């Protein structure tokens, strides 16, 4: 384990860099590695060890590391025969072995995977495939059976698992040829070659593609695989994952590091409390990645006697949304499982801060300390220990896809401006206390108000609208829409239901407003920007 000797700290002109030293000595430098190097290396080392248990199949499908590596190399060969390096491959699947293999095969074929939420509607699928310029789509035939994929001139091939779709090719056929060994071109560089293009909902406009390089992702894996800490993956772990792999949390906090460590990954297609509790017992799970709403659900299950009294779970991790300290304590008291909180964002691959489960360092009200090689400063506050959290490190994105202005707004002189207001204590433990950004977090999933507002404004009855989050103990925040109607119409419950369903038919369901409030005007500043704080005061 070495500390990067070339990482130099420079003093910014404003607030000092707050640099907790605890994790620096544990960092292993992954310089020069591609994502598939890490995964295929594990496949060679761990051979007949169980890599994946795919619980989306009945019965569950079990794949060893050797078998997984063979599948990745075979699919990569098929992709290489059809697509050029740098072309974008869309993956539109629920959690499954096919998702994982498609992702790693795409990077091995030197293509760029863009990951789509499997609950997306046609409108959202069209936008991401069109904006990314995807040349291919790997999907389940059942997900696109009622969709039209016309009007996407760059999309040449669609590959489906399970149910066939009109004009699509059988995914299984792509696995029947010889495998492809890792290829290198002279100009291949893990620092600049994209390994993932996830889409993140910004506070304005439509979602933006986040350009993450191989180096971004691999570095972040090793930033939080810390052998000196109790809460890190080992080859003896069994990780039970119901969080979606298309999300950066599932992709690079679960899938890639679990494989890097040689652990076993048990995949569920979605959260199902009864099935999850059964798999904890059946598969001997030792780790679970969670989000706060799931922490709450499992706490309630434990109170009702539905959570296994005897289990092997060493710890769980909570991320993607703020975790209330009292919920963390309640969960641990009820289940006996220690809970580690983390913080990050898609733009940071995603981890920038991690808490501890060691008793002497455990602080459930904190997001923890910065991971190795991550520098932080706090801007705009009244003191050096409070303000907007601004960070830099090797895990930060290259920028937004075809969006230089949006990139420039958050990446300034090598520093990423998070939009979150934080404080830091004398021991270097950070606390998120407020948010500059307008994002709504529903069960850990981000909802961009501008995207939902754009759909509402297409309704013939709507003249103006504004969306904010309403705090909710079970899900974090519920999207609540304030609506001004055309022609002096007055609202009624029937029209409110119609507007909610109108959004739900065009965007994935979690973005649908749960409450509509009819008002005479939306508060705006002189430049026309919605004063969301005033709207939040009304909910």
Protein backbone atom coordinates (compact mmCIF):
# COMPACT_ATOMS: atom_id res chain seq x y z
CA UNK A 1 0.00 0.00 0.00
CA UNK A 2 1.56 3.29 -1.01
CA UNK A 3 0.71 6.91 -0.94
CA UNK A 4 0.95 8.61 -4.30
CA UNK A 5 4.26 10.50 -4.05
CA UNK A 6 3.30 12.91 -6.81
CA UNK A 7 0.14 14.19 -5.14
CA UNK A 8 1.00 17.68 -4.02
CA UNK A 9 -1.20 19.95 -1.96
CA UNK A 10 -1.43 23.58 -2.95
CA UNK A 11 -3.06 26.27 -0.87
CA UNK A 12 -6.16 27.91 -2.43
CA UNK A 13 -6.52 31.63 -2.25
CA UNK A 14 -9.55 31.55 0.03
CA UNK A 15 -10.34 29.01 2.74
CA UNK A 16 -7.68 26.49 3.72
CA UNK A 17 -7.81 22.93 2.44
CA UNK A 18 -9.19 20.67 5.13
CA UNK A 19 -7.20 17.51 4.76
CA UNK A 20 -7.78 14.72 7.29
CA UNK A 21 -4.71 12.47 7.07
CA UNK A 22 -6.27 9.23 8.34
CA UNK A 23 -6.80 7.45 5.03
CA UNK A 24 -3.78 8.58 3.00
CA UNK A 25 -1.43 5.80 4.03
CA UNK A 26 -3.94 3.10 3.04
CA UNK A 27 -4.28 4.12 -0.59
CA UNK A 28 -3.07 1.79 -3.34
CA UNK A 29 -2.16 3.53 -6.60
CA UNK A 30 -4.08 1.88 -9.51
CA UNK A 31 -2.32 3.94 -12.18
CA UNK A 32 -2.64 2.47 -15.68
CA UNK A 33 -5.51 0.07 -14.96
CA UNK A 34 -8.73 -0.14 -16.95
CA UNK A 35 -11.98 -1.31 -15.31
CA UNK A 36 -11.91 -4.60 -17.20
CA UNK A 37 -8.27 -5.17 -16.18
CA UNK A 38 -9.39 -5.22 -12.56
CA UNK A 39 -12.36 -7.51 -13.24
CA UNK A 40 -10.61 -9.97 -15.56
CA UNK A 41 -7.64 -10.08 -13.20
CA UNK A 42 -10.01 -11.19 -10.44
CA UNK A 43 -11.52 -13.79 -12.78
CA UNK A 44 -8.07 -15.30 -13.32
CA UNK A 45 -7.14 -15.23 -9.63
CA UNK A 46 -10.37 -16.56 -8.19
CA UNK A 47 -11.31 -19.06 -10.92
CA UNK A 48 -13.88 -21.49 -9.52
CA UNK A 49 -14.98 -19.17 -6.70
CA UNK A 50 -18.60 -17.98 -6.93
CA UNK A 51 -18.79 -14.51 -8.50
CA UNK A 52 -22.51 -13.86 -9.03
CA UNK A 53 -25.76 -15.28 -7.77
CA UNK A 54 -28.48 -13.89 -10.05
CA UNK A 55 -31.66 -14.03 -7.97
CA UNK A 56 -33.69 -12.51 -10.81
CA UNK A 57 -33.76 -16.01 -12.31
CA UNK A 58 -35.82 -18.94 -10.99
CA UNK A 59 -33.96 -20.84 -9.71
CA UNK A 60 -31.11 -18.40 -9.00
CA UNK A 61 -28.30 -18.64 -11.56
CA UNK A 62 -24.80 -19.11 -10.15
CA UNK A 63 -21.70 -18.03 -12.11
CA UNK A 64 -18.07 -18.55 -11.10
CA UNK A 65 -15.30 -16.04 -11.70
CA UNK A 66 -13.87 -18.21 -14.50
CA UNK A 67 -17.28 -18.44 -16.19
CA UNK A 68 -17.85 -14.71 -15.76
CA UNK A 69 -14.53 -13.83 -17.38
CA UNK A 70 -15.34 -16.12 -20.30
CA UNK A 71 -18.75 -14.47 -20.79
CA UNK A 72 -17.21 -10.98 -20.73
CA UNK A 73 -14.55 -11.90 -23.30
CA UNK A 74 -17.07 -13.62 -25.60
CA UNK A 75 -19.48 -10.69 -25.58
CA UNK A 76 -16.61 -8.24 -26.04
CA UNK A 77 -15.58 -10.12 -29.16
CA UNK A 78 -19.11 -9.87 -30.54
CA UNK A 79 -19.29 -6.15 -29.80
CA UNK A 80 -15.87 -5.52 -31.33
CA UNK A 81 -17.00 -7.13 -34.57
CA UNK A 82 -19.85 -4.61 -34.89
CA UNK A 83 -18.72 -1.39 -33.20
CA UNK A 84 -15.71 0.89 -33.31
CA UNK A 85 -13.80 2.01 -30.21
CA UNK A 86 -15.48 5.04 -28.66
CA UNK A 87 -19.00 4.17 -29.83
CA UNK A 88 -21.68 4.27 -27.15
CA UNK A 89 -23.52 1.12 -26.01
CA UNK A 90 -26.77 1.62 -24.07
CA UNK A 91 -27.62 -0.87 -21.30
CA UNK A 92 -31.30 -0.86 -20.35
CA UNK A 93 -31.74 -3.78 -17.93
CA UNK A 94 -32.74 -4.62 -14.40
CA UNK A 95 -30.04 -6.10 -12.15
CA UNK A 96 -28.89 -9.39 -13.66
CA UNK A 97 -25.74 -11.18 -14.76
CA UNK A 98 -26.48 -9.92 -18.27
CA UNK A 99 -26.24 -6.31 -17.08
CA UNK A 100 -22.88 -6.90 -15.41
CA UNK A 101 -21.43 -8.82 -18.37
CA UNK A 102 -22.71 -6.24 -20.88
CA UNK A 103 -21.08 -3.43 -18.91
CA UNK A 104 -17.65 -5.05 -18.56
CA UNK A 105 -17.70 -6.41 -22.13
CA UNK A 106 -18.46 -2.94 -23.50
CA UNK A 107 -15.41 -1.47 -21.77
CA UNK A 108 -13.24 -4.38 -22.93
CA UNK A 109 -14.42 -3.73 -26.50
CA UNK A 110 -13.26 -0.11 -25.98
CA UNK A 111 -16.83 1.16 -26.26
CA UNK A 112 -18.58 3.54 -23.83
CA UNK A 113 -21.46 2.09 -21.77
CA UNK A 114 -24.34 4.44 -20.99
CA UNK A 115 -26.66 3.05 -18.33
CA UNK A 116 -30.42 3.60 -18.44
CA UNK A 117 -32.93 3.34 -15.61
CA UNK A 118 -35.09 0.27 -16.45
CA UNK A 119 -38.20 2.11 -15.24
CA UNK A 120 -37.74 4.81 -17.88
CA UNK A 121 -40.58 5.66 -20.23
CA UNK A 122 -40.13 5.97 -23.99
CA UNK A 123 -39.53 9.72 -23.75
CA UNK A 124 -36.61 9.25 -21.32
CA UNK A 125 -35.09 6.35 -23.25
CA UNK A 126 -35.20 8.38 -26.46
CA UNK A 127 -33.55 11.34 -24.79
CA UNK A 128 -30.61 9.41 -23.33
CA UNK A 129 -29.98 7.28 -26.43
CA UNK A 130 -30.23 10.33 -28.66
CA UNK A 131 -28.15 12.64 -26.51
CA UNK A 132 -25.39 10.06 -26.04
CA UNK A 133 -25.47 9.04 -29.71
CA UNK A 134 -25.78 5.38 -28.75
CA UNK A 135 -25.01 2.94 -31.56
CA UNK A 136 -26.49 -0.07 -29.75
CA UNK A 137 -28.89 -1.00 -26.99
CA UNK A 138 -28.75 -4.10 -24.79
CA UNK A 139 -32.14 -4.59 -23.18
CA UNK A 140 -34.90 -6.98 -22.16
CA UNK A 141 -37.54 -7.42 -24.84
CA UNK A 142 -40.27 -6.87 -22.24
CA UNK A 143 -38.95 -3.37 -21.50
CA UNK A 144 -39.29 -2.12 -25.07
CA UNK A 145 -42.28 -4.10 -26.35
CA UNK A 146 -44.50 -1.00 -26.28
CA UNK A 147 -41.79 1.48 -27.29
CA UNK A 148 -40.82 2.92 -30.63
CA UNK A 149 -37.07 3.37 -31.10
CA UNK A 150 -37.43 5.17 -34.40
CA UNK A 151 -35.96 8.63 -34.81
CA UNK A 152 -32.57 7.59 -33.40
CA UNK A 153 -30.34 7.75 -36.48
CA UNK A 154 -27.18 6.49 -34.73
CA UNK A 155 -28.86 3.45 -33.17
CA UNK A 156 -27.92 0.50 -35.43
CA UNK A 157 -28.40 -2.58 -33.27
CA UNK A 158 -30.70 -3.70 -30.47
CA UNK A 159 -29.89 -6.88 -28.51
CA UNK A 160 -32.53 -8.43 -26.26
CA UNK A 161 -32.48 -11.01 -23.50
CA UNK A 162 -35.55 -13.14 -22.79
CA UNK A 163 -38.41 -11.90 -24.99
CA UNK A 164 -37.55 -11.05 -28.59
CA UNK A 165 -38.47 -7.66 -30.04
CA UNK A 166 -39.18 -6.63 -33.60
CA UNK A 167 -35.89 -5.96 -35.42
CA UNK A 168 -33.78 -6.95 -32.41
CA UNK A 169 -30.99 -9.54 -32.26
CA UNK A 170 -30.70 -12.31 -29.70
CA UNK A 171 -28.24 -11.36 -26.93
CA UNK A 172 -27.33 -15.04 -26.46
CA UNK A 173 -26.02 -15.25 -30.04
CA UNK A 174 -23.37 -12.68 -29.15
CA UNK A 175 -21.95 -15.07 -26.54
CA UNK A 176 -21.33 -18.03 -28.86
CA UNK A 177 -18.10 -16.99 -30.53
CA UNK A 178 -14.50 -17.09 -29.31
CA UNK A 179 -13.47 -14.65 -26.59
CA UNK A 180 -11.60 -11.39 -26.98
CA UNK A 181 -8.47 -10.73 -24.95
CA UNK A 182 -7.85 -7.21 -23.69
CA UNK A 183 -6.70 -4.99 -26.57
CA UNK A 184 -4.58 -1.91 -26.37
CA UNK A 185 -4.17 0.79 -28.94
CA UNK A 186 -1.18 3.09 -28.76
CA UNK A 187 -3.34 6.02 -27.72
CA UNK A 188 -5.38 4.11 -25.08
CA UNK A 189 -5.15 6.00 -21.83
CA UNK A 190 -7.24 5.10 -18.75
CA UNK A 191 -7.17 8.74 -17.67
CA UNK A 192 -9.00 9.90 -20.81
CA UNK A 193 -10.84 6.81 -22.09
CA UNK A 194 -14.45 6.77 -20.89
CA UNK A 195 -15.58 3.75 -18.88
CA UNK A 196 -19.13 4.93 -18.14
CA UNK A 197 -21.57 7.59 -19.25
CA UNK A 198 -24.28 7.63 -16.57
CA UNK A 199 -26.84 10.43 -16.72
CA UNK A 200 -27.30 12.69 -13.74
CA UNK A 201 -30.31 14.93 -13.20
CA UNK A 202 -29.02 18.46 -12.94
CA UNK A 203 -30.90 21.29 -11.30
CA UNK A 204 -31.62 22.91 -14.65
CA UNK A 205 -32.67 21.41 -17.95
CA UNK A 206 -32.57 17.71 -18.82
CA UNK A 207 -30.20 15.08 -17.37
CA UNK A 208 -26.55 15.36 -18.43
CA UNK A 209 -24.13 12.58 -19.33
CA UNK A 210 -21.32 12.36 -16.76
CA UNK A 211 -18.02 11.42 -18.41
CA UNK A 212 -16.21 9.00 -16.10
CA UNK A 213 -12.88 7.60 -17.20
CA UNK A 214 -11.43 4.20 -16.38
CA UNK A 215 -9.00 5.95 -14.07
CA UNK A 216 -11.85 7.80 -12.29
CA UNK A 217 -13.68 4.56 -11.52
CA UNK A 218 -10.71 2.33 -10.70
CA UNK A 219 -9.11 4.98 -8.51
CA UNK A 220 -12.34 5.44 -6.56
CA UNK A 221 -12.61 1.68 -6.01
CA UNK A 222 -9.18 1.67 -4.36
CA UNK A 223 -9.90 4.88 -2.48
CA UNK A 224 -12.49 3.10 -0.35
CA UNK A 225 -11.13 -0.47 -0.39
CA UNK A 226 -9.13 0.29 2.73
CA UNK A 227 -7.55 -2.82 4.30
CA UNK A 228 -6.86 -0.96 7.51
CA UNK A 229 -10.58 -0.43 8.13
CA UNK A 230 -13.12 -2.94 9.36
CA UNK A 231 -15.73 -1.90 6.80
CA UNK A 232 -14.11 -2.91 3.54
CA UNK A 233 -14.76 -5.80 1.15
CA UNK A 234 -12.78 -9.02 1.43
CA UNK A 235 -12.86 -12.15 -0.72
CA UNK A 236 -14.92 -13.83 2.00
CA UNK A 237 -17.78 -11.34 1.71
CA UNK A 238 -21.20 -12.03 0.20
CA UNK A 239 -22.77 -8.73 -0.88
CA UNK A 240 -26.57 -8.74 -1.23
CA UNK A 241 -27.56 -5.97 -3.63
CA UNK A 242 -31.06 -4.78 -4.47
CA UNK A 243 -29.85 -1.28 -5.44
CA UNK A 244 -29.82 -0.70 -9.22
CA UNK A 245 -26.55 -1.26 -11.05
CA UNK A 246 -27.39 1.49 -13.54
CA UNK A 247 -26.92 3.98 -10.68
CA UNK A 248 -23.33 4.94 -9.88
CA UNK A 249 -23.83 3.63 -6.31
CA UNK A 250 -24.64 0.14 -7.57
CA UNK A 251 -22.03 0.27 -10.33
CA UNK A 252 -18.93 1.51 -8.54
CA UNK A 253 -19.63 1.07 -4.84
CA UNK A 254 -20.95 -2.47 -5.31
CA UNK A 255 -20.32 -4.21 -8.65
CA UNK A 256 -16.75 -3.15 -9.46
CA UNK A 257 -15.24 -3.21 -5.94
CA UNK A 258 -16.93 -6.52 -5.03
CA UNK A 259 -15.27 -8.07 -8.07
CA UNK A 260 -11.96 -6.34 -7.35
CA UNK A 261 -11.94 -7.96 -3.91
CA UNK A 262 -12.95 -11.40 -5.19
CA UNK A 263 -16.17 -11.40 -3.13
CA UNK A 264 -19.55 -12.86 -4.17
CA UNK A 265 -22.36 -10.61 -5.45
CA UNK A 266 -25.99 -11.64 -4.96
CA UNK A 267 -28.20 -9.60 -7.29
CA UNK A 268 -31.88 -8.82 -6.83
CA UNK A 269 -33.73 -7.02 -9.66
CA UNK A 270 -35.43 -4.67 -7.18
CA UNK A 271 -36.20 -4.36 -3.48
CA UNK A 272 -38.55 -7.04 -2.16
CA UNK A 273 -38.51 -7.22 1.64
CA UNK A 274 -39.60 -10.86 1.97
CA UNK A 275 -37.19 -12.06 -0.73
CA UNK A 276 -34.32 -10.01 0.68
CA UNK A 277 -34.81 -11.50 4.14
CA UNK A 278 -34.86 -15.01 2.62
CA UNK A 279 -31.65 -14.37 0.67
CA UNK A 280 -29.89 -13.07 3.79
CA UNK A 281 -30.34 -16.55 5.27
CA UNK A 282 -29.99 -18.66 2.11
CA UNK A 283 -26.83 -17.01 0.74
CA UNK A 284 -25.15 -16.13 4.03
CA UNK A 285 -24.96 -12.43 3.18
CA UNK A 286 -22.27 -10.47 5.02
CA UNK A 287 -22.84 -6.99 3.54
CA UNK A 288 -25.77 -4.93 2.24
CA UNK A 289 -25.67 -1.59 0.39
CA UNK A 290 -28.70 0.48 1.38
CA UNK A 291 -30.34 3.90 1.07
CA UNK A 292 -32.16 5.60 3.99
CA UNK A 293 -35.70 4.53 2.94
CA UNK A 294 -34.54 0.89 2.88
CA UNK A 295 -32.88 1.34 6.27
CA UNK A 296 -36.28 2.49 7.53
CA UNK A 297 -38.13 -0.42 5.86
CA UNK A 298 -35.77 -3.00 7.37
CA UNK A 299 -36.02 -1.35 10.79
CA UNK A 300 -39.80 -1.71 10.61
CA UNK A 301 -39.41 -5.33 9.46
CA UNK A 302 -37.20 -6.02 12.48
CA UNK A 303 -39.77 -4.43 14.80
CA UNK A 304 -42.43 -6.73 13.33
CA UNK A 305 -40.23 -9.83 13.70
CA UNK A 306 -39.78 -10.24 9.95
CA UNK A 307 -36.02 -9.58 9.77
CA UNK A 308 -33.79 -12.64 10.40
CA UNK A 309 -32.74 -12.85 14.05
CA UNK A 310 -29.68 -14.85 13.08
CA UNK A 311 -27.55 -13.61 10.22
CA UNK A 312 -23.92 -13.10 9.18
CA UNK A 313 -24.07 -9.46 8.05
CA UNK A 314 -20.93 -7.66 9.27
CA UNK A 315 -22.11 -4.20 8.27
CA UNK A 316 -24.28 -2.24 5.86
CA UNK A 317 -23.64 0.98 3.99
CA UNK A 318 -26.05 3.89 3.53
CA UNK A 319 -25.64 6.45 0.77
CA UNK A 320 -27.40 8.47 -1.96
CA UNK A 321 -29.37 10.58 0.54
CA UNK A 322 -28.95 12.01 4.06
CA UNK A 323 -29.30 9.48 6.87
CA UNK A 324 -30.93 10.64 10.09
CA UNK A 325 -28.71 9.74 13.08
CA UNK A 326 -31.66 8.40 15.08
CA UNK A 327 -32.59 6.07 12.18
CA UNK A 328 -29.02 4.73 12.05
CA UNK A 329 -29.04 4.03 15.79
CA UNK A 330 -32.49 2.41 15.61
CA UNK A 331 -31.46 0.15 12.73
CA UNK A 332 -28.35 -1.08 14.57
CA UNK A 333 -30.24 -1.63 17.83
CA UNK A 334 -32.95 -3.66 16.07
CA UNK A 335 -30.78 -5.74 13.72
CA UNK A 336 -27.35 -5.78 15.32
CA UNK A 337 -25.90 -4.50 12.00
CA UNK A 338 -23.47 -1.59 12.12
CA UNK A 339 -24.17 1.05 9.52
CA UNK A 340 -21.56 3.05 7.60
CA UNK A 341 -22.65 6.31 6.01
CA UNK A 342 -21.01 7.60 2.84
CA UNK A 343 -21.27 10.70 0.69
CA UNK A 344 -20.61 11.41 -2.94
CA UNK A 345 -22.17 12.09 -6.31
CA UNK A 346 -22.14 10.66 -9.83
CA UNK A 347 -19.59 13.31 -10.80
CA UNK A 348 -17.15 11.85 -8.24
CA UNK A 349 -17.44 8.20 -9.32
CA UNK A 350 -19.09 8.52 -6.64
CA UNK A 351 -17.36 8.40 -3.22
CA UNK A 352 -15.69 11.42 -1.62
CA UNK A 353 -16.38 10.80 2.08
CA UNK A 354 -16.90 7.73 4.25
CA UNK A 355 -17.78 7.15 7.88
CA UNK A 356 -16.51 4.37 10.09
CA UNK A 357 -18.08 1.45 11.93
CA UNK A 358 -15.24 1.17 14.46
CA UNK A 359 -16.71 2.09 17.85
CA UNK A 360 -14.17 4.79 18.67
CA UNK A 361 -14.72 6.53 15.30
CA UNK A 362 -18.45 5.87 14.82
CA UNK A 363 -20.40 9.12 14.33
CA UNK A 364 -23.87 8.52 12.83
CA UNK A 365 -24.51 12.24 12.42
CA UNK A 366 -21.54 12.64 10.06
CA UNK A 367 -20.70 11.61 6.49
CA UNK A 368 -17.21 10.83 7.79
CA UNK A 369 -13.84 11.90 6.49
CA UNK A 370 -12.61 12.43 2.94
CA UNK A 371 -11.23 9.35 1.18
CA UNK A 372 -7.56 9.22 0.15
CA UNK A 373 -6.23 11.91 -2.20
CA UNK A 374 -9.42 13.97 -1.87
CA UNK A 375 -8.96 17.59 -0.83
CA UNK A 376 -11.83 19.66 0.51
CA UNK A 377 -12.49 23.29 1.30
CA UNK A 378 -15.61 25.12 2.40
CA UNK A 379 -16.57 28.24 0.46
CA UNK A 380 -18.90 31.14 1.17
CA UNK A 381 -19.57 30.47 4.83
CA UNK A 382 -19.00 32.74 7.77
CA UNK A 383 -15.97 30.71 8.88
CA UNK A 384 -13.42 28.29 7.44
CA UNK A 385 -15.38 25.43 9.03
CA UNK A 386 -18.70 26.05 7.23
CA UNK A 387 -19.75 26.70 3.64
CA UNK A 388 -20.30 25.03 0.29
CA UNK A 389 -18.30 21.81 0.02
CA UNK A 390 -15.74 22.14 -2.77
CA UNK A 391 -13.52 19.17 -3.63
CA UNK A 392 -10.83 17.87 -5.93
CA UNK A 393 -9.36 14.43 -6.44
CA UNK A 394 -8.52 11.83 -9.11
CA UNK A 395 -12.07 10.42 -8.98
CA UNK A 396 -13.69 13.62 -10.31
CA UNK A 397 -15.37 13.41 -13.71
CA UNK A 398 -13.84 14.67 -16.94
CA UNK A 399 -16.95 16.80 -17.49
CA UNK A 400 -20.48 16.62 -18.86
CA UNK A 401 -21.10 15.06 -22.27
CA UNK A 402 -21.36 17.78 -24.94
CA UNK A 403 -22.15 20.39 -22.27
CA UNK A 404 -19.14 22.68 -21.80
CA UNK A 405 -21.11 25.43 -20.04
CA UNK A 406 -22.58 23.02 -17.50
CA UNK A 407 -19.11 21.56 -16.95
CA UNK A 408 -17.59 24.99 -16.37
CA UNK A 409 -20.27 25.81 -13.81
CA UNK A 410 -19.23 22.98 -11.46
CA UNK A 411 -15.58 22.32 -12.37
CA UNK A 412 -13.54 25.42 -11.69
CA UNK A 413 -9.73 25.37 -11.69
CA UNK A 414 -9.75 21.66 -10.95
CA UNK A 415 -12.23 21.91 -8.05
CA UNK A 416 -15.76 20.44 -8.06
CA UNK A 417 -18.46 22.61 -6.46
CA UNK A 418 -20.92 20.20 -4.84
CA UNK A 419 -23.85 22.53 -4.13
CA UNK A 420 -24.06 21.09 -0.60
CA UNK A 421 -23.51 23.17 2.52
CA UNK A 422 -21.26 21.43 5.05
CA UNK A 423 -19.48 21.93 8.33
CA UNK A 424 -16.34 20.18 9.55
CA UNK A 425 -15.18 19.52 13.09
CA UNK A 426 -11.67 19.54 14.55
CA UNK A 427 -11.18 15.84 13.72
CA UNK A 428 -11.99 16.30 10.03
CA UNK A 429 -15.50 14.77 10.19
CA UNK A 430 -17.95 16.44 7.80
CA UNK A 431 -21.64 17.15 8.26
CA UNK A 432 -24.03 18.10 5.43
CA UNK A 433 -26.40 20.74 6.78
CA UNK A 434 -28.16 22.21 3.73
CA UNK A 435 -28.29 22.15 -0.04
CA UNK A 436 -27.62 24.91 -2.55
CA UNK A 437 -28.88 22.77 -5.42
CA UNK A 438 -32.58 22.33 -6.11
CA UNK A 439 -32.48 18.55 -6.48
CA UNK A 440 -35.23 16.47 -4.87
CA UNK A 441 -34.17 13.12 -3.41
CA UNK A 442 -36.89 10.41 -3.47
CA UNK A 443 -35.66 7.12 -1.93
CA UNK A 444 -32.15 8.25 -2.84
CA UNK A 445 -33.06 8.85 -6.49
CA UNK A 446 -32.51 12.40 -7.78
CA UNK A 447 -35.40 14.29 -9.35
CA UNK A 448 -34.57 17.45 -11.29
CA UNK A 449 -37.45 19.91 -10.86
CA UNK A 450 -36.84 21.39 -14.32
CA UNK A 451 -37.44 18.05 -16.04
CA UNK A 452 -40.81 17.48 -14.33
CA UNK A 453 -41.82 21.12 -14.82
CA UNK A 454 -41.11 20.82 -18.56
CA UNK A 455 -43.57 17.92 -18.80
CA UNK A 456 -46.25 19.66 -16.75
CA UNK A 457 -46.00 22.73 -18.99
CA UNK A 458 -46.90 20.54 -21.99
CA UNK A 459 -50.34 19.92 -20.49
CA UNK A 460 -52.91 22.22 -22.15
CA UNK A 461 -54.32 23.37 -18.79
CA UNK A 462 -51.00 24.44 -17.25
CA UNK A 463 -49.68 28.01 -17.60
CA UNK A 464 -46.86 27.90 -15.03
CA UNK A 465 -45.55 25.53 -12.38
CA UNK A 466 -42.83 24.87 -9.84
CA UNK A 467 -41.70 21.63 -8.19
CA UNK A 468 -40.16 21.22 -4.73
CA UNK A 469 -39.53 18.40 -2.30
CA UNK A 470 -41.78 17.80 0.70
CA UNK A 471 -40.01 16.09 3.59
CA UNK A 472 -41.21 12.55 4.26
CA UNK A 473 -39.91 10.15 6.90
CA UNK A 474 -40.28 7.06 4.68
CA UNK A 475 -38.87 8.23 1.32
CA UNK A 476 -36.84 11.36 2.11
CA UNK A 477 -38.71 13.85 -0.07
CA UNK A 478 -41.94 13.69 -2.06
CA UNK A 479 -42.20 15.78 -5.25
CA UNK A 480 -44.88 18.43 -4.74
CA UNK A 481 -45.99 20.62 -7.68
CA UNK A 482 -47.42 24.13 -7.51
CA UNK A 483 -49.50 24.77 -10.64
CA UNK A 484 -50.97 27.90 -12.21
CA UNK A 485 -53.80 27.04 -14.63
CA UNK A 486 -54.64 28.76 -17.91
CA UNK A 487 -57.66 30.98 -18.52
CA UNK A 488 -58.42 31.50 -14.82
CA UNK A 489 -59.46 27.88 -14.37
CA UNK A 490 -59.67 26.64 -10.80
CA UNK A 491 -58.21 23.34 -9.76
CA UNK A 492 -59.97 20.32 -8.34
CA UNK A 493 -58.91 16.86 -7.10
CA UNK A 494 -59.79 15.24 -10.42
CA UNK A 495 -57.53 17.62 -12.37
CA UNK A 496 -54.76 17.12 -9.79
CA UNK A 497 -54.89 13.35 -10.37
CA UNK A 498 -54.88 13.94 -14.12
CA UNK A 499 -51.73 16.06 -13.91
CA UNK A 500 -49.94 13.51 -11.70
CA UNK A 501 -50.80 10.73 -14.14
CA UNK A 502 -49.78 12.92 -17.09
CA UNK A 503 -46.24 13.10 -15.69
CA UNK A 504 -46.27 9.42 -14.72
CA UNK A 505 -47.08 8.41 -18.30
CA UNK A 506 -44.11 10.36 -19.67
CA UNK A 507 -41.43 10.00 -16.99
CA UNK A 508 -40.46 7.18 -14.68
CA UNK A 509 -42.96 6.84 -11.85
CA UNK A 510 -40.79 8.11 -9.03
CA UNK A 511 -40.64 11.54 -10.73
CA UNK A 512 -44.44 11.82 -10.66
CA UNK A 513 -45.73 14.56 -8.29
CA UNK A 514 -47.43 13.08 -5.25
CA UNK A 515 -49.25 16.31 -4.52
CA UNK A 516 -50.57 19.15 -6.70
CA UNK A 517 -51.32 22.57 -5.24
CA UNK A 518 -53.15 25.08 -7.44
CA UNK A 519 -51.97 28.67 -6.97
CA UNK A 520 -52.43 32.07 -8.61
CA UNK A 521 -48.72 32.65 -9.32
CA UNK A 522 -45.29 31.05 -8.96
CA UNK A 523 -42.88 33.26 -6.95
CA UNK A 524 -39.91 34.31 -9.08
CA UNK A 525 -37.01 36.73 -8.77
CA UNK A 526 -36.53 39.64 -11.24
CA UNK A 527 -34.61 37.40 -13.66
CA UNK A 528 -37.45 34.84 -13.67
CA UNK A 529 -35.86 32.16 -11.50
CA UNK A 530 -38.33 30.26 -9.30
CA UNK A 531 -37.97 31.12 -5.61
CA UNK A 532 -38.16 27.52 -4.44
CA UNK A 533 -37.45 28.35 -0.83
CA UNK A 534 -40.79 30.21 -0.73
CA UNK A 535 -42.56 27.22 -2.23
CA UNK A 536 -40.89 24.87 0.27
CA UNK A 537 -42.17 27.08 3.08
CA UNK A 538 -45.71 26.27 1.87
CA UNK A 539 -45.33 22.49 2.07
